Amino acid sequence: MIKLRLKRYGKKREVSYRIVAMNSRDRRDGRPLEELGFYNPRTDETRLEVPAILKRLREGAQPTKTVQHILQKANVYEQLKA
């Protein structure tokens, strides 16, 4: 199963995340199938590749709860319905 989830990177206490599509059985920091965006929780900065995310969601990828919340804030699900 393909999951949309966060991949951690950065220094200690200065963490950032990449939003990636990965096989659900792969480890958290393993090689992703595709990188779909960026999330910085310290500044609440988010950059998303919306067309690629919509493609993955239409193919049946399941987002984690955190990624789902990020996508809801960016109104990605409204574009999926249209």
Protein backbone atom coordinates (compact mmCIF):
# COMPACT_ATOMS: atom_id res chain seq x y z
CA MET A 1 0.00 0.00 0.00
CA ILE A 2 1.25 3.47 -0.88
CA LYS A 3 1.14 6.07 1.90
CA LEU A 4 1.63 9.81 1.84
CA ARG A 5 3.69 10.54 4.92
CA LEU A 6 6.38 12.73 6.43
CA LYS A 7 10.10 12.07 6.04
CA ARG A 8 12.21 13.77 8.68
CA TYR A 9 15.39 15.68 7.91
CA GLY A 10 17.44 18.52 9.39
CA LYS A 11 19.47 18.98 12.54
CA LYS A 12 18.44 18.10 16.08
CA ARG A 13 15.82 20.53 17.38
CA GLU A 14 15.66 22.14 13.92
CA VAL A 15 13.61 19.47 12.20
CA SER A 16 11.81 19.82 8.90
CA TYR A 17 9.82 17.27 6.93
CA ARG A 18 9.32 16.29 3.34
CA ILE A 19 5.94 14.99 2.27
CA VAL A 20 6.62 11.81 0.30
CA ALA A 21 4.86 8.84 -1.29
CA MET A 22 6.26 5.58 0.09
CA ASN A 23 5.41 1.96 0.47
CA SER A 24 3.81 1.58 3.91
CA ARG A 25 6.29 -1.14 4.91
CA ASP A 26 9.40 0.96 4.22
CA ARG A 27 11.20 2.67 7.07
CA ARG A 28 10.46 6.35 7.77
CA ASP A 29 13.65 7.76 6.29
CA GLY A 30 14.01 5.25 3.47
CA ARG A 31 13.95 5.99 -0.24
CA PRO A 32 10.59 7.47 -1.31
CA LEU A 33 8.78 6.74 -4.54
CA GLU A 34 8.23 10.47 -5.03
CA GLU A 35 8.73 13.70 -3.07
CA LEU A 36 5.53 15.74 -3.03
CA GLY A 37 6.20 18.70 -0.79
CA PHE A 38 7.80 20.26 2.25
CA TYR A 39 6.58 21.10 5.77
CA ASN A 40 8.38 23.12 8.44
CA PRO A 41 6.52 22.90 11.78
CA ARG A 42 8.62 25.66 13.40
CA THR A 43 7.49 28.34 10.94
CA ASP A 44 4.36 26.50 9.68
CA GLU A 45 5.69 26.85 6.12
CA THR A 46 4.25 24.43 3.60
CA ARG A 47 5.08 23.92 -0.08
CA LEU A 48 3.06 21.31 -1.97
CA GLU A 49 3.18 19.91 -5.49
CA VAL A 50 -0.59 19.76 -5.79
CA PRO A 51 -0.88 18.03 -9.22
CA ALA A 52 1.42 15.21 -8.08
CA ILE A 53 -0.47 14.85 -4.79
CA LEU A 54 -3.82 14.70 -6.58
CA LYS A 55 -2.43 12.04 -8.95
CA ARG A 56 -1.28 9.88 -6.01
CA LEU A 57 -4.60 10.30 -4.17
CA ARG A 58 -6.55 9.27 -7.30
CA GLU A 59 -4.33 6.17 -7.57
CA GLY A 60 -5.40 5.16 -4.04
CA ALA A 61 -2.57 6.42 -1.83
CA GLN A 62 -3.59 6.86 1.82
CA PRO A 63 -2.31 9.93 3.73
CA THR A 64 -1.33 9.68 7.39
CA LYS A 65 -3.30 11.80 9.87
CA THR A 66 -0.69 14.56 9.94
CA VAL A 67 -0.41 14.75 6.16
CA GLN A 68 -4.20 14.66 5.88
CA HIS A 69 -4.42 17.69 8.17
CA ILE A 70 -1.79 19.56 6.10
CA LEU A 71 -3.70 18.78 2.90
CA GLN A 72 -6.99 19.94 4.44
CA LYS A 73 -5.40 23.27 5.42
CA ALA A 74 -4.21 23.70 1.81
CA ASN A 75 -7.69 22.81 0.39
CA VAL A 76 -6.30 19.94 -1.70
CA TYR A 77 -9.37 17.76 -1.09
CA GLU A 78 -11.66 20.38 -2.62
CA GLN A 79 -9.59 20.20 -5.82
CA LEU A 80 -9.81 16.40 -5.73
CA LYS A 81 -13.62 16.53 -5.72
CA ALA A 82 -13.78 19.00 -8.63
